[in-house]
Amino acid sequence: MTLDPAQPDPSRCPLCGRDNRCAMEIERETGQAQPPCWCLSATFSAELLARVPPAARGQACICAACAAAAQSRG
């Protein structure tokens, strides 16, 4: 999948392009209350966050798979 860094999709991981399952984005899109997002209790390393394209920072969440892969490498 080719990602367009100029227009980040908040429902897609900015690193791999897969669905990030962000509960906050799902709630924003659907208007249906969601449980707290998994990412609120996750720890993201500075190295992982640095891999997010600048245009997607603060716009799209890293998915659980990318977060877990980075943690297992770290």
PDB file of N, CA and C in Angstrom:
ATOM      1  N   MET A   1       0.841  -1.180   0.000  1.00  0.00           N
ATOM      2  CA  MET A   1       0.000   0.000   0.000  1.00  0.00           C
ATOM      3  C   MET A   1       0.880   1.234   0.000  1.00  0.00           C
ATOM      4  N   THR A   2       0.566   2.185  -0.828  1.00  0.00           N
ATOM      5  CA  THR A   2       1.298   3.443  -0.890  1.00  0.00           C
ATOM      6  C   THR A   2       0.556   4.469  -0.058  1.00  0.00           C
ATOM      7  N   LEU A   3       1.271   5.086   0.861  1.00  0.00           N
ATOM      8  CA  LEU A   3       0.672   6.101   1.711  1.00  0.00           C
ATOM      9  C   LEU A   3       0.994   7.481   1.155  1.00  0.00           C
ATOM     10  N   ASP A   4       0.035   8.381   1.211  1.00  0.00           N
ATOM     11  CA  ASP A   4       0.238   9.758   0.791  1.00  0.00           C
ATOM     12  C   ASP A   4       0.540  10.566   2.048  1.00  0.00           C
ATOM     13  N   PRO A   5       1.816  10.880   2.297  1.00  0.00           N
ATOM     14  CA  PRO A   5       2.157  11.585   3.529  1.00  0.00           C
ATOM     15  C   PRO A   5       1.566  12.984   3.611  1.00  0.00           C
ATOM     16  N   ALA A   6       1.144  13.549   2.480  1.00  0.00           N
ATOM     17  CA  ALA A   6       0.561  14.884   2.496  1.00  0.00           C
ATOM     18  C   ALA A   6      -0.856  14.882   3.052  1.00  0.00           C
ATOM     19  N   GLN A   7      -1.547  13.735   2.967  1.00  0.00           N
ATOM     20  CA  GLN A   7      -2.921  13.636   3.453  1.00  0.00           C
ATOM     21  C   GLN A   7      -3.070  12.379   4.310  1.00  0.00           C
ATOM     22  N   PRO A   8      -2.647  12.428   5.565  1.00  0.00           N
ATOM     23  CA  PRO A   8      -2.744  11.238   6.409  1.00  0.00           C
ATOM     24  C   PRO A   8      -4.203  10.863   6.669  1.00  0.00           C
ATOM     25  N   ASP A   9      -4.466   9.577   6.650  1.00  0.00           N
ATOM     26  CA  ASP A   9      -5.790   9.042   6.963  1.00  0.00           C
ATOM     27  C   ASP A   9      -5.779   8.680   8.443  1.00  0.00           C
ATOM     28  N   PRO A  10      -6.573   9.354   9.277  1.00  0.00           N
ATOM     29  CA  PRO A  10      -6.531   9.092  10.714  1.00  0.00           C
ATOM     30  C   PRO A  10      -6.973   7.685  11.107  1.00  0.00           C
ATOM     31  N   SER A  11      -7.595   6.941  10.197  1.00  0.00           N
ATOM     32  CA  SER A  11      -8.013   5.575  10.520  1.00  0.00           C
ATOM     33  C   SER A  11      -6.958   4.542  10.123  1.00  0.00           C
ATOM     34  N   ARG A  12      -5.844   4.996   9.546  1.00  0.00           N
ATOM     35  CA  ARG A  12      -4.775   4.105   9.071  1.00  0.00           C
ATOM     36  C   ARG A  12      -3.463   4.401   9.788  1.00  0.00           C
ATOM     37  N   CYS A  13      -2.715   3.348  10.066  1.00  0.00           N
ATOM     38  CA  CYS A  13      -1.401   3.493  10.678  1.00  0.00           C
ATOM     39  C   CYS A  13      -0.485   4.238   9.712  1.00  0.00           C
ATOM     40  N   PRO A  14       0.192   5.281  10.171  1.00  0.00           N
ATOM     41  CA  PRO A  14       1.068   6.030   9.282  1.00  0.00           C
ATOM     42  C   PRO A  14       2.350   5.279   8.917  1.00  0.00           C
ATOM     43  N   LEU A  15       2.594   4.145   9.567  1.00  0.00           N
ATOM     44  CA  LEU A  15       3.797   3.369   9.279  1.00  0.00           C
ATOM     45  C   LEU A  15       3.551   2.233   8.297  1.00  0.00           C
ATOM     46  N   CYS A  16       2.429   1.511   8.459  1.00  0.00           N
ATOM     47  CA  CYS A  16       2.182   0.348   7.598  1.00  0.00           C
ATOM     48  C   CYS A  16       0.946   0.498   6.719  1.00  0.00           C
ATOM     49  N   GLY A  17       0.088   1.462   7.032  1.00  0.00           N
ATOM     50  CA  GLY A  17      -1.107   1.693   6.233  1.00  0.00           C
ATOM     51  C   GLY A  17      -2.302   0.833   6.599  1.00  0.00           C
ATOM     52  N   ARG A  18      -2.130  -0.067   7.572  1.00  0.00           N
ATOM     53  CA  ARG A  18      -3.263  -0.904   7.997  1.00  0.00           C
ATOM     54  C   ARG A  18      -4.198  -0.122   8.915  1.00  0.00           C
ATOM     55  N   ASP A  19      -5.409  -0.645   9.066  1.00  0.00           N
ATOM     56  CA  ASP A  19      -6.402  -0.060   9.968  1.00  0.00           C
ATOM     57  C   ASP A  19      -5.788   0.008  11.369  1.00  0.00           C
ATOM     58  N   ASN A  20      -5.810   1.182  11.983  1.00  0.00           N
ATOM     59  CA  ASN A  20      -5.195   1.314  13.301  1.00  0.00           C
ATOM     60  C   ASN A  20      -6.160   1.038  14.454  1.00  0.00           C
ATOM     61  N   ARG A  21      -7.438   0.855  14.140  1.00  0.00           N
ATOM     62  CA  ARG A  21      -8.464   0.548  15.149  1.00  0.00           C
ATOM     63  C   ARG A  21      -8.448   1.548  16.310  1.00  0.00           C
ATOM     64  N   CYS A  22      -8.223   2.797  15.992  1.00  0.00           N
ATOM     65  CA  CYS A  22      -8.211   3.847  17.005  1.00  0.00           C
ATOM     66  C   CYS A  22      -9.648   4.100  17.473  1.00  0.00           C
ATOM     67  N   ALA A  23      -9.923   3.820  18.728  1.00  0.00           N
ATOM     68  CA  ALA A  23     -11.280   3.992  19.258  1.00  0.00           C
ATOM     69  C   ALA A  23     -11.720   5.452  19.196  1.00  0.00           C
ATOM     70  N   MET A  24     -10.790   6.352  19.383  1.00  0.00           N
ATOM     71  CA  MET A  24     -11.150   7.768  19.349  1.00  0.00           C
ATOM     72  C   MET A  24     -11.568   8.188  17.931  1.00  0.00           C
ATOM     73  N   GLU A  25     -10.880   7.666  16.922  1.00  0.00           N
ATOM     74  CA  GLU A  25     -11.232   7.979  15.535  1.00  0.00           C
ATOM     75  C   GLU A  25     -12.548   7.302  15.156  1.00  0.00           C
ATOM     76  N   ILE A  26     -12.758   6.068  15.596  1.00  0.00           N
ATOM     77  CA  ILE A  26     -14.019   5.367  15.318  1.00  0.00           C
ATOM     78  C   ILE A  26     -15.190   6.143  15.913  1.00  0.00           C
ATOM     79  N   GLU A  27     -15.009   6.623  17.138  1.00  0.00           N
ATOM     80  CA  GLU A  27     -16.069   7.410  17.783  1.00  0.00           C
ATOM     81  C   GLU A  27     -16.317   8.714  17.025  1.00  0.00           C
ATOM     82  N   ARG A  28     -15.255   9.359  16.578  1.00  0.00           N
ATOM     83  CA  ARG A  28     -15.407  10.608  15.825  1.00  0.00           C
ATOM     84  C   ARG A  28     -16.159  10.359  14.521  1.00  0.00           C
ATOM     85  N   GLU A  29     -15.827   9.266  13.836  1.00  0.00           N
ATOM     86  CA  GLU A  29     -16.460   8.956  12.553  1.00  0.00           C
ATOM     87  C   GLU A  29     -17.912   8.515  12.698  1.00  0.00           C
ATOM     88  N   THR A  30     -18.196   7.679  13.699  1.00  0.00           N
ATOM     89  CA  THR A  30     -19.522   7.080  13.816  1.00  0.00           C
ATOM     90  C   THR A  30     -20.444   7.798  14.787  1.00  0.00           C
ATOM     91  N   GLY A  31     -19.869   8.547  15.716  1.00  0.00           N
ATOM     92  CA  GLY A  31     -20.675   9.186  16.749  1.00  0.00           C
ATOM     93  C   GLY A  31     -21.087   8.231  17.855  1.00  0.00           C
ATOM     94  N   GLN A  32     -20.625   6.977  17.762  1.00  0.00           N
ATOM     95  CA  GLN A  32     -20.947   5.967  18.776  1.00  0.00           C
ATOM     96  C   GLN A  32     -19.828   5.888  19.806  1.00  0.00           C
ATOM     97  N   ALA A  33     -20.218   5.943  21.075  1.00  0.00           N
ATOM     98  CA  ALA A  33     -19.238   5.874  22.156  1.00  0.00           C
ATOM     99  C   ALA A  33     -18.432   4.583  22.058  1.00  0.00           C
ATOM    100  N   GLN A  34     -17.144   4.695  22.325  1.00  0.00           N
ATOM    101  CA  GLN A  34     -16.231   3.562  22.283  1.00  0.00           C
ATOM    102  C   GLN A  34     -15.566   3.424  23.650  1.00  0.00           C
ATOM    103  N   PRO A  35     -15.101   2.221  23.967  1.00  0.00           N
ATOM    104  CA  PRO A  35     -14.314   2.074  25.193  1.00  0.00           C
ATOM    105  C   PRO A  35     -12.982   2.807  25.017  1.00  0.00           C
ATOM    106  N   PRO A  36     -12.259   3.033  26.095  1.00  0.00           N
ATOM    107  CA  PRO A  36     -10.968   3.710  25.952  1.00  0.00           C
ATOM    108  C   PRO A  36     -10.081   2.968  24.952  1.00  0.00           C
ATOM    109  N   CYS A  37      -9.363   3.722  24.157  1.00  0.00           N
ATOM    110  CA  CYS A  37      -8.493   3.151  23.127  1.00  0.00           C
ATOM    111  C   CYS A  37      -7.314   2.424  23.780  1.00  0.00           C
ATOM    112  N   TRP A  38      -6.892   1.338  23.152  1.00  0.00           N
ATOM    113  CA  TRP A  38      -5.758   0.548  23.641  1.00  0.00           C
ATOM    114  C   TRP A  38      -4.510   1.421  23.768  1.00  0.00           C
ATOM    115  N   CYS A  39      -4.400   2.415  22.917  1.00  0.00           N
ATOM    116  CA  CYS A  39      -3.171   3.218  22.882  1.00  0.00           C
ATOM    117  C   CYS A  39      -3.003   4.098  24.122  1.00  0.00           C
ATOM    118  N   LEU A  40      -4.079   4.338  24.841  1.00  0.00           N
ATOM    119  CA  LEU A  40      -3.970   5.180  26.030  1.00  0.00           C
ATOM    120  C   LEU A  40      -3.134   4.527  27.118  1.00  0.00           C
ATOM    121  N   SER A  41      -3.024   3.200  27.086  1.00  0.00           N
ATOM    122  CA  SER A  41      -2.206   2.508  28.082  1.00  0.00           C
ATOM    123  C   SER A  41      -0.916   1.954  27.481  1.00  0.00           C
ATOM    124  N   ALA A  42      -0.647   2.262  26.221  1.00  0.00           N
ATOM    125  CA  ALA A  42       0.559   1.772  25.542  1.00  0.00           C
ATOM    126  C   ALA A  42       1.711   2.752  25.727  1.00  0.00           C
ATOM    127  N   THR A  43       2.910   2.237  25.594  1.00  0.00           N
ATOM    128  CA  THR A  43       4.108   3.067  25.629  1.00  0.00           C
ATOM    129  C   THR A  43       4.745   3.030  24.249  1.00  0.00           C
ATOM    130  N   PHE A  44       5.014   4.179  23.684  1.00  0.00           N
ATOM    131  CA  PHE A  44       5.624   4.301  22.366  1.00  0.00           C
ATOM    132  C   PHE A  44       7.015   4.902  22.530  1.00  0.00           C
ATOM    133  N   SER A  45       8.022   4.213  22.030  1.00  0.00           N
ATOM    134  CA  SER A  45       9.389   4.714  22.154  1.00  0.00           C
ATOM    135  C   SER A  45       9.580   5.946  21.278  1.00  0.00           C
ATOM    136  N   ALA A  46      10.560   6.735  21.631  1.00  0.00           N
ATOM    137  CA  ALA A  46      10.893   7.918  20.839  1.00  0.00           C
ATOM    138  C   ALA A  46      11.311   7.510  19.428  1.00  0.00           C
ATOM    139  N   GLU A  47      12.009   6.379  19.311  1.00  0.00           N
ATOM    140  CA  GLU A  47      12.444   5.899  17.998  1.00  0.00           C
ATOM    141  C   GLU A  47      11.251   5.548  17.117  1.00  0.00           C
ATOM    142  N   LEU A  48      10.239   4.903  17.698  1.00  0.00           N
ATOM    143  CA  LEU A  48       9.040   4.550  16.938  1.00  0.00           C
ATOM    144  C   LEU A  48       8.293   5.812  16.506  1.00  0.00           C
ATOM    145  N   LEU A  49       8.108   6.731  17.414  1.00  0.00           N
ATOM    146  CA  LEU A  49       7.399   7.970  17.094  1.00  0.00           C
ATOM    147  C   LEU A  49       8.138   8.786  16.044  1.00  0.00           C
ATOM    148  N   ALA A  50       9.468   8.717  16.037  1.00  0.00           N
ATOM    149  CA  ALA A  50      10.261   9.447  15.049  1.00  0.00           C
ATOM    150  C   ALA A  50      10.059   8.902  13.640  1.00  0.00           C
ATOM    151  N   ARG A  51       9.599   7.649  13.513  1.00  0.00           N
ATOM    152  CA  ARG A  51       9.357   7.058  12.195  1.00  0.00           C
ATOM    153  C   ARG A  51       8.063   7.562  11.559  1.00  0.00           C
ATOM    154  N   VAL A  52       7.186   8.181  12.335  1.00  0.00           N
ATOM    155  CA  VAL A  52       5.919   8.699  11.802  1.00  0.00           C
ATOM    156  C   VAL A  52       6.221   9.901  10.916  1.00  0.00           C
ATOM    157  N   PRO A  53       5.721   9.899   9.674  1.00  0.00           N
ATOM    158  CA  PRO A  53       5.958  11.047   8.792  1.00  0.00           C
ATOM    159  C   PRO A  53       5.462  12.340   9.444  1.00  0.00           C
ATOM    160  N   PRO A  54       6.186  13.424   9.271  1.00  0.00           N
ATOM    161  CA  PRO A  54       5.799  14.685   9.920  1.00  0.00           C
ATOM    162  C   PRO A  54       4.340  15.086   9.703  1.00  0.00           C
ATOM    163  N   ALA A  55       3.802  14.899   8.511  1.00  0.00           N
ATOM    164  CA  ALA A  55       2.417  15.302   8.227  1.00  0.00           C
ATOM    165  C   ALA A  55       1.404  14.471   9.001  1.00  0.00           C
ATOM    166  N   ALA A  56       1.792  13.270   9.440  1.00  0.00           N
ATOM    167  CA  ALA A  56       0.858  12.389  10.153  1.00  0.00           C
ATOM    168  C   ALA A  56       0.961  12.521  11.666  1.00  0.00           C
ATOM    169  N   ARG A  57       1.958  13.223  12.150  1.00  0.00           N
ATOM    170  CA  ARG A  57       2.134  13.368  13.607  1.00  0.00           C
ATOM    171  C   ARG A  57       0.955  14.116  14.193  1.00  0.00           C
ATOM    172  N   GLY A  58       0.339  13.505  15.176  1.00  0.00           N
ATOM    173  CA  GLY A  58      -0.832  14.094  15.809  1.00  0.00           C
ATOM    174  C   GLY A  58      -2.097  13.957  14.977  1.00  0.00           C
ATOM    175  N   GLN A  59      -2.006  13.261  13.847  1.00  0.00           N
ATOM    176  CA  GLN A  59      -3.151  13.100  12.951  1.00  0.00           C
ATOM    177  C   GLN A  59      -3.605  11.646  12.819  1.00  0.00           C
ATOM    178  N   ALA A  60      -2.678  10.695  12.950  1.00  0.00           N
ATOM    179  CA  ALA A  60      -2.998   9.281  12.752  1.00  0.00           C
ATOM    180  C   ALA A  60      -2.228   8.445  13.771  1.00  0.00           C
ATOM    181  N   CYS A  61      -2.902   7.457  14.321  1.00  0.00           N
ATOM    182  CA  CYS A  61      -2.305   6.596  15.352  1.00  0.00           C
ATOM    183  C   CYS A  61      -1.527   5.434  14.755  1.00  0.00           C
ATOM    184  N   ILE A  62      -0.442   5.090  15.411  1.00  0.00           N
ATOM    185  CA  ILE A  62       0.306   3.883  15.080  1.00  0.00           C
ATOM    186  C   ILE A  62      -0.557   2.692  15.478  1.00  0.00           C
ATOM    187  N   CYS A  63      -0.590   1.647  14.656  1.00  0.00           N
ATOM    188  CA  CYS A  63      -1.412   0.471  14.970  1.00  0.00           C
ATOM    189  C   CYS A  63      -0.743  -0.401  16.037  1.00  0.00           C
ATOM    190  N   ALA A  64      -1.531  -1.286  16.639  1.00  0.00           N
ATOM    191  CA  ALA A  64      -1.032  -2.176  17.684  1.00  0.00           C
ATOM    192  C   ALA A  64       0.055  -3.098  17.160  1.00  0.00           C
ATOM    193  N   ALA A  65      -0.050  -3.537  15.910  1.00  0.00           N
ATOM    194  CA  ALA A  65       0.956  -4.443  15.345  1.00  0.00           C
ATOM    195  C   ALA A  65       2.312  -3.743  15.233  1.00  0.00           C
ATOM    196  N   CYS A  66       2.337  -2.517  14.746  1.00  0.00           N
ATOM    197  CA  CYS A  66       3.603  -1.782  14.641  1.00  0.00           C
ATOM    198  C   CYS A  66       4.161  -1.474  16.030  1.00  0.00           C
ATOM    199  N   ALA A  67       3.297  -1.128  16.962  1.00  0.00           N
ATOM    200  CA  ALA A  67       3.746  -0.840  18.331  1.00  0.00           C
ATOM    201  C   ALA A  67       4.341  -2.100  18.961  1.00  0.00           C
ATOM    202  N   ALA A  68       3.689  -3.246  18.781  1.00  0.00           N
ATOM    203  CA  ALA A  68       4.195  -4.501  19.355  1.00  0.00           C
ATOM    204  C   ALA A  68       5.506  -4.910  18.700  1.00  0.00           C
ATOM    205  N   ALA A  69       5.616  -4.749  17.383  1.00  0.00           N
ATOM    206  CA  ALA A  69       6.841  -5.104  16.678  1.00  0.00           C
ATOM    207  C   ALA A  69       8.002  -4.251  17.171  1.00  0.00           C
ATOM    208  N   ALA A  70       7.762  -2.974  17.368  1.00  0.00           N
ATOM    209  CA  ALA A  70       8.821  -2.087  17.850  1.00  0.00           C
ATOM    210  C   ALA A  70       9.230  -2.444  19.275  1.00  0.00           C
ATOM    211  N   GLN A  71       8.267  -2.832  20.091  1.00  0.00           N
ATOM    212  CA  GLN A  71       8.560  -3.188  21.471  1.00  0.00           C
ATOM    213  C   GLN A  71       9.366  -4.486  21.533  1.00  0.00           C
ATOM    214  N   SER A  72       9.052  -5.434  20.659  1.00  0.00           N
ATOM    215  CA  SER A  72       9.773  -6.712  20.668  1.00  0.00           C
ATOM    216  C   SER A  72      11.205  -6.544  20.159  1.00  0.00           C
ATOM    217  N   ARG A  73      11.428  -5.539  19.310  1.00  0.00           N
ATOM    218  CA  ARG A  73      12.783  -5.257  18.816  1.00  0.00           C
ATOM    219  C   ARG A  73      13.611  -4.498  19.845  1.00  0.00           C
ATOM    220  N   GLY A  74      12.891  -3.728  20.688  1.00  0.00           N
ATOM    221  CA  GLY A  74      13.572  -2.833  21.612  1.00  0.00           C
ATOM    222  C   GLY A  74      14.048  -3.522  22.805  1.00  0.00           C
TER     223      GLY A  74
END
